[in-house]
Amino acid sequence: MRAFVYLKDVVTLRMDEEKCNGCGMCMKVCPHEVFELSGGKSHIVDRDSCMECGACALNCPKQAIFVKSGVGCAAGILNGIIRNTEPTCDCSKNGGGCC
């Protein structure tokens, strides 16, 4: 679902790959396919697509991921205002509404 990029190089997402145990939970919960698994560890592969929902950090059993949640949805709301459309961060299954 790599449709939205909010603002380049501003996302708060960080990962300590040394702490990662390769469980893949971040990949399962991330709605924007920000992570991939290679070499037995997760890696951030599309950082700018992160909407900062926080699901990856909340579900990481090793606390290897940090993200300040909420900023991505704020950008979705602002994009809706600018485009004169419904605010959306595309985090719901039907693509409407915001977190």
N, C-alpha and C. Protein backbone atom coordinates (compact mmCIF):
# COMPACT_ATOMS: atom_id res chain seq x y z
N MET A 1 0.83 -1.18 0.00
CA MET A 1 0.00 0.00 0.00
C MET A 1 0.88 1.25 0.00
N ARG A 2 1.83 1.38 -0.83
CA ARG A 2 2.76 2.50 -0.84
C ARG A 2 2.22 3.67 -1.64
N ALA A 3 1.09 4.19 -1.24
CA ALA A 3 0.45 5.28 -1.98
C ALA A 3 0.75 6.65 -1.42
N PHE A 4 0.95 6.74 -0.12
CA PHE A 4 1.10 8.04 0.52
C PHE A 4 2.52 8.27 1.02
N VAL A 5 3.06 9.42 0.72
CA VAL A 5 4.29 9.89 1.34
C VAL A 5 3.93 11.26 1.88
N TYR A 6 4.08 11.44 3.17
CA TYR A 6 3.63 12.68 3.78
C TYR A 6 4.62 13.80 3.52
N LEU A 7 5.73 13.80 4.15
CA LEU A 7 6.78 14.78 3.95
C LEU A 7 8.10 14.02 3.95
N LYS A 8 8.96 14.28 3.00
CA LYS A 8 10.23 13.56 2.92
C LYS A 8 11.13 13.89 4.10
N ASP A 9 11.75 12.85 4.60
CA ASP A 9 12.80 12.94 5.63
C ASP A 9 12.37 13.64 6.92
N VAL A 10 11.12 13.51 7.32
CA VAL A 10 10.69 14.11 8.58
C VAL A 10 10.13 13.09 9.57
N VAL A 11 9.90 11.87 9.14
CA VAL A 11 9.29 10.86 10.00
C VAL A 11 10.20 10.55 11.20
N THR A 12 9.59 10.29 12.34
CA THR A 12 10.35 10.03 13.56
C THR A 12 10.76 8.57 13.71
N LEU A 13 10.41 7.72 12.78
CA LEU A 13 10.68 6.28 12.85
C LEU A 13 12.18 5.98 12.91
N ARG A 14 12.55 5.19 13.92
CA ARG A 14 13.93 4.72 14.05
C ARG A 14 13.89 3.25 14.49
N MET A 15 14.94 2.53 14.13
CA MET A 15 15.01 1.12 14.50
C MET A 15 16.42 0.77 14.94
N ASP A 16 16.52 0.05 16.05
CA ASP A 16 17.79 -0.48 16.52
C ASP A 16 17.87 -1.93 16.03
N GLU A 17 18.51 -2.13 14.89
CA GLU A 17 18.55 -3.46 14.28
C GLU A 17 19.28 -4.48 15.14
N GLU A 18 20.15 -4.02 16.04
CA GLU A 18 20.84 -4.96 16.93
C GLU A 18 19.88 -5.59 17.94
N LYS A 19 18.85 -4.86 18.34
CA LYS A 19 17.85 -5.40 19.27
C LYS A 19 16.86 -6.34 18.58
N CYS A 20 16.70 -6.20 17.28
CA CYS A 20 15.70 -6.97 16.51
C CYS A 20 15.98 -8.46 16.59
N ASN A 21 14.93 -9.25 16.84
CA ASN A 21 15.06 -10.70 16.87
C ASN A 21 14.51 -11.36 15.60
N GLY A 22 14.07 -10.55 14.64
CA GLY A 22 13.60 -11.09 13.37
C GLY A 22 12.23 -11.73 13.41
N CYS A 23 11.40 -11.37 14.39
CA CYS A 23 10.07 -12.00 14.50
C CYS A 23 9.13 -11.57 13.37
N GLY A 24 9.37 -10.42 12.77
CA GLY A 24 8.54 -9.95 11.66
C GLY A 24 7.23 -9.30 12.07
N MET A 25 7.02 -9.08 13.36
CA MET A 25 5.77 -8.47 13.81
C MET A 25 5.58 -7.08 13.20
N CYS A 26 6.66 -6.32 13.07
CA CYS A 26 6.54 -4.97 12.49
C CYS A 26 6.00 -5.04 11.05
N MET A 27 6.41 -6.05 10.31
CA MET A 27 5.92 -6.21 8.94
C MET A 27 4.45 -6.59 8.92
N LYS A 28 4.02 -7.38 9.88
CA LYS A 28 2.62 -7.82 9.94
C LYS A 28 1.67 -6.67 10.25
N VAL A 29 2.10 -5.74 11.12
CA VAL A 29 1.19 -4.69 11.56
C VAL A 29 1.32 -3.39 10.78
N CYS A 30 2.36 -3.24 9.99
CA CYS A 30 2.57 -1.98 9.26
C CYS A 30 1.68 -1.91 8.02
N PRO A 31 0.77 -0.93 7.96
CA PRO A 31 -0.13 -0.84 6.81
C PRO A 31 0.52 -0.28 5.56
N HIS A 32 1.74 0.24 5.65
CA HIS A 32 2.38 0.87 4.50
C HIS A 32 3.66 0.17 4.05
N GLU A 33 3.88 -1.06 4.49
CA GLU A 33 5.01 -1.88 4.05
C GLU A 33 6.35 -1.17 4.19
N VAL A 34 6.57 -0.60 5.34
CA VAL A 34 7.79 0.16 5.62
C VAL A 34 8.98 -0.76 5.89
N PHE A 35 8.71 -1.98 6.36
CA PHE A 35 9.77 -2.91 6.77
C PHE A 35 9.89 -4.10 5.83
N GLU A 36 11.09 -4.70 5.85
CA GLU A 36 11.29 -5.99 5.20
C GLU A 36 12.23 -6.81 6.07
N LEU A 37 12.17 -8.10 5.91
CA LEU A 37 13.00 -9.01 6.67
C LEU A 37 14.09 -9.55 5.76
N SER A 38 15.34 -9.38 6.18
CA SER A 38 16.46 -9.97 5.44
C SER A 38 17.60 -10.20 6.42
N GLY A 39 18.32 -11.27 6.21
CA GLY A 39 19.42 -11.60 7.10
C GLY A 39 18.99 -11.86 8.53
N GLY A 40 17.76 -12.30 8.71
CA GLY A 40 17.26 -12.62 10.04
C GLY A 40 16.87 -11.42 10.88
N LYS A 41 16.81 -10.23 10.27
CA LYS A 41 16.45 -9.01 10.98
C LYS A 41 15.50 -8.18 10.12
N SER A 42 14.68 -7.38 10.78
CA SER A 42 13.84 -6.42 10.06
C SER A 42 14.67 -5.19 9.74
N HIS A 43 14.32 -4.56 8.63
CA HIS A 43 14.99 -3.35 8.19
C HIS A 43 13.95 -2.36 7.69
N ILE A 44 14.19 -1.09 7.89
CA ILE A 44 13.32 -0.05 7.34
C ILE A 44 13.72 0.12 5.88
N VAL A 45 12.75 -0.09 4.97
CA VAL A 45 13.05 0.02 3.54
C VAL A 45 12.31 1.17 2.86
N ASP A 46 11.29 1.71 3.51
CA ASP A 46 10.53 2.81 2.90
C ASP A 46 10.09 3.77 4.01
N ARG A 47 11.06 4.39 4.62
CA ARG A 47 10.84 5.24 5.79
C ARG A 47 9.84 6.35 5.52
N ASP A 48 9.90 6.97 4.36
CA ASP A 48 9.01 8.10 4.06
C ASP A 48 7.55 7.69 3.94
N SER A 49 7.26 6.41 3.79
CA SER A 49 5.87 5.96 3.72
C SER A 49 5.26 5.74 5.10
N CYS A 50 6.07 5.83 6.13
CA CYS A 50 5.57 5.65 7.50
C CYS A 50 4.59 6.77 7.84
N MET A 51 3.41 6.38 8.34
CA MET A 51 2.40 7.37 8.74
C MET A 51 2.43 7.59 10.26
N GLU A 52 3.41 6.99 10.91
CA GLU A 52 3.63 7.15 12.34
C GLU A 52 2.45 6.73 13.19
N CYS A 53 1.80 5.64 12.81
CA CYS A 53 0.67 5.14 13.60
C CYS A 53 1.14 4.51 14.91
N GLY A 54 2.37 4.02 14.95
CA GLY A 54 2.93 3.45 16.17
C GLY A 54 2.71 1.96 16.35
N ALA A 55 2.02 1.32 15.41
CA ALA A 55 1.73 -0.12 15.55
C ALA A 55 3.00 -0.95 15.63
N CYS A 56 4.00 -0.61 14.86
CA CYS A 56 5.25 -1.38 14.86
C CYS A 56 5.93 -1.32 16.23
N ALA A 57 6.04 -0.12 16.79
CA ALA A 57 6.69 0.04 18.08
C ALA A 57 5.90 -0.65 19.20
N LEU A 58 4.58 -0.53 19.16
CA LEU A 58 3.74 -1.15 20.19
C LEU A 58 3.81 -2.67 20.15
N ASN A 59 4.05 -3.24 18.97
CA ASN A 59 4.05 -4.70 18.83
C ASN A 59 5.43 -5.32 18.78
N CYS A 60 6.48 -4.53 18.89
CA CYS A 60 7.84 -5.07 18.85
C CYS A 60 8.20 -5.66 20.22
N PRO A 61 8.41 -6.97 20.30
CA PRO A 61 8.69 -7.59 21.60
C PRO A 61 10.06 -7.21 22.17
N LYS A 62 10.94 -6.69 21.35
CA LYS A 62 12.29 -6.31 21.79
C LYS A 62 12.47 -4.81 21.95
N GLN A 63 11.40 -4.05 21.74
CA GLN A 63 11.45 -2.59 21.83
C GLN A 63 12.58 -2.02 20.98
N ALA A 64 12.69 -2.56 19.76
CA ALA A 64 13.73 -2.14 18.83
C ALA A 64 13.30 -0.99 17.94
N ILE A 65 12.04 -0.60 18.03
CA ILE A 65 11.49 0.43 17.14
C ILE A 65 10.99 1.61 17.97
N PHE A 66 11.31 2.81 17.50
CA PHE A 66 10.81 4.03 18.11
C PHE A 66 10.11 4.86 17.04
N VAL A 67 8.94 5.36 17.37
CA VAL A 67 8.23 6.30 16.50
C VAL A 67 7.33 7.16 17.37
N LYS A 68 7.31 8.42 17.10
CA LYS A 68 6.42 9.33 17.82
C LYS A 68 5.09 9.32 17.07
N SER A 69 4.15 8.55 17.55
CA SER A 69 2.90 8.36 16.83
C SER A 69 2.04 9.61 16.81
N GLY A 70 1.24 9.71 15.76
CA GLY A 70 0.29 10.81 15.64
C GLY A 70 0.63 11.83 14.59
N VAL A 71 1.90 12.01 14.28
CA VAL A 71 2.31 13.04 13.33
C VAL A 71 1.82 12.72 11.92
N GLY A 72 1.89 11.45 11.51
CA GLY A 72 1.45 11.07 10.17
C GLY A 72 -0.02 11.33 9.94
N CYS A 73 -0.85 11.04 10.92
CA CYS A 73 -2.28 11.31 10.79
C CYS A 73 -2.55 12.80 10.73
N ALA A 74 -1.77 13.58 11.46
CA ALA A 74 -1.92 15.04 11.38
C ALA A 74 -1.63 15.50 9.96
N ALA A 75 -0.62 14.91 9.34
CA ALA A 75 -0.30 15.26 7.96
C ALA A 75 -1.45 14.86 7.04
N GLY A 76 -2.09 13.71 7.32
CA GLY A 76 -3.23 13.29 6.51
C GLY A 76 -4.38 14.27 6.60
N ILE A 77 -4.62 14.77 7.78
CA ILE A 77 -5.69 15.76 7.97
C ILE A 77 -5.35 17.04 7.21
N LEU A 78 -4.11 17.50 7.33
CA LEU A 78 -3.69 18.71 6.62
C LEU A 78 -3.77 18.52 5.11
N ASN A 79 -3.37 17.33 4.62
CA ASN A 79 -3.47 17.06 3.18
C ASN A 79 -4.92 17.13 2.72
N GLY A 80 -5.85 16.63 3.52
CA GLY A 80 -7.27 16.72 3.18
C GLY A 80 -7.75 18.15 3.10
N ILE A 81 -7.29 18.98 4.03
CA ILE A 81 -7.67 20.39 4.01
C ILE A 81 -7.10 21.08 2.77
N ILE A 82 -5.85 20.82 2.49
CA ILE A 82 -5.19 21.44 1.33
C ILE A 82 -5.85 21.01 0.02
N ARG A 83 -6.18 19.72 -0.08
CA ARG A 83 -6.77 19.18 -1.31
C ARG A 83 -8.28 19.33 -1.37
N ASN A 84 -8.87 19.85 -0.29
CA ASN A 84 -10.32 19.99 -0.19
C ASN A 84 -11.01 18.63 -0.35
N THR A 85 -10.45 17.62 0.34
CA THR A 85 -11.01 16.27 0.34
C THR A 85 -11.21 15.84 1.79
N GLU A 86 -11.75 14.66 1.97
CA GLU A 86 -11.89 14.11 3.32
C GLU A 86 -10.50 13.85 3.89
N PRO A 87 -10.27 14.21 5.14
CA PRO A 87 -8.98 13.90 5.78
C PRO A 87 -8.79 12.41 5.85
N THR A 88 -7.63 11.92 5.46
CA THR A 88 -7.35 10.51 5.55
C THR A 88 -5.85 10.25 5.69
N CYS A 89 -5.52 9.31 6.53
CA CYS A 89 -4.15 8.84 6.60
C CYS A 89 -4.09 7.42 6.05
N ASP A 90 -5.19 6.95 5.48
CA ASP A 90 -5.31 5.65 4.84
C ASP A 90 -5.00 4.51 5.79
N CYS A 91 -5.32 4.68 7.07
CA CYS A 91 -5.02 3.62 8.02
C CYS A 91 -6.22 2.72 8.30
N SER A 92 -7.35 3.02 7.72
CA SER A 92 -8.49 2.12 7.90
C SER A 92 -8.60 1.20 6.70
N LYS A 93 -9.28 0.12 6.84
CA LYS A 93 -9.39 -0.87 5.77
C LYS A 93 -10.06 -0.32 4.52
N ASN A 94 -11.01 0.60 4.66
CA ASN A 94 -11.70 1.12 3.49
C ASN A 94 -11.05 2.38 2.95
N GLY A 95 -9.95 2.83 3.55
CA GLY A 95 -9.22 3.98 3.04
C GLY A 95 -9.79 5.31 3.46
N GLY A 96 -10.84 5.33 4.25
CA GLY A 96 -11.44 6.59 4.66
C GLY A 96 -11.25 6.83 6.13
N GLY A 97 -11.34 8.04 6.53
CA GLY A 97 -11.22 8.37 7.93
C GLY A 97 -9.78 8.36 8.40
N CYS A 98 -9.58 8.80 9.59
CA CYS A 98 -8.23 8.83 10.14
C CYS A 98 -8.21 8.04 11.43
N CYS A 99 -7.02 7.71 11.84
CA CYS A 99 -6.83 6.93 13.08
C CYS A 99 -7.64 7.55 14.16
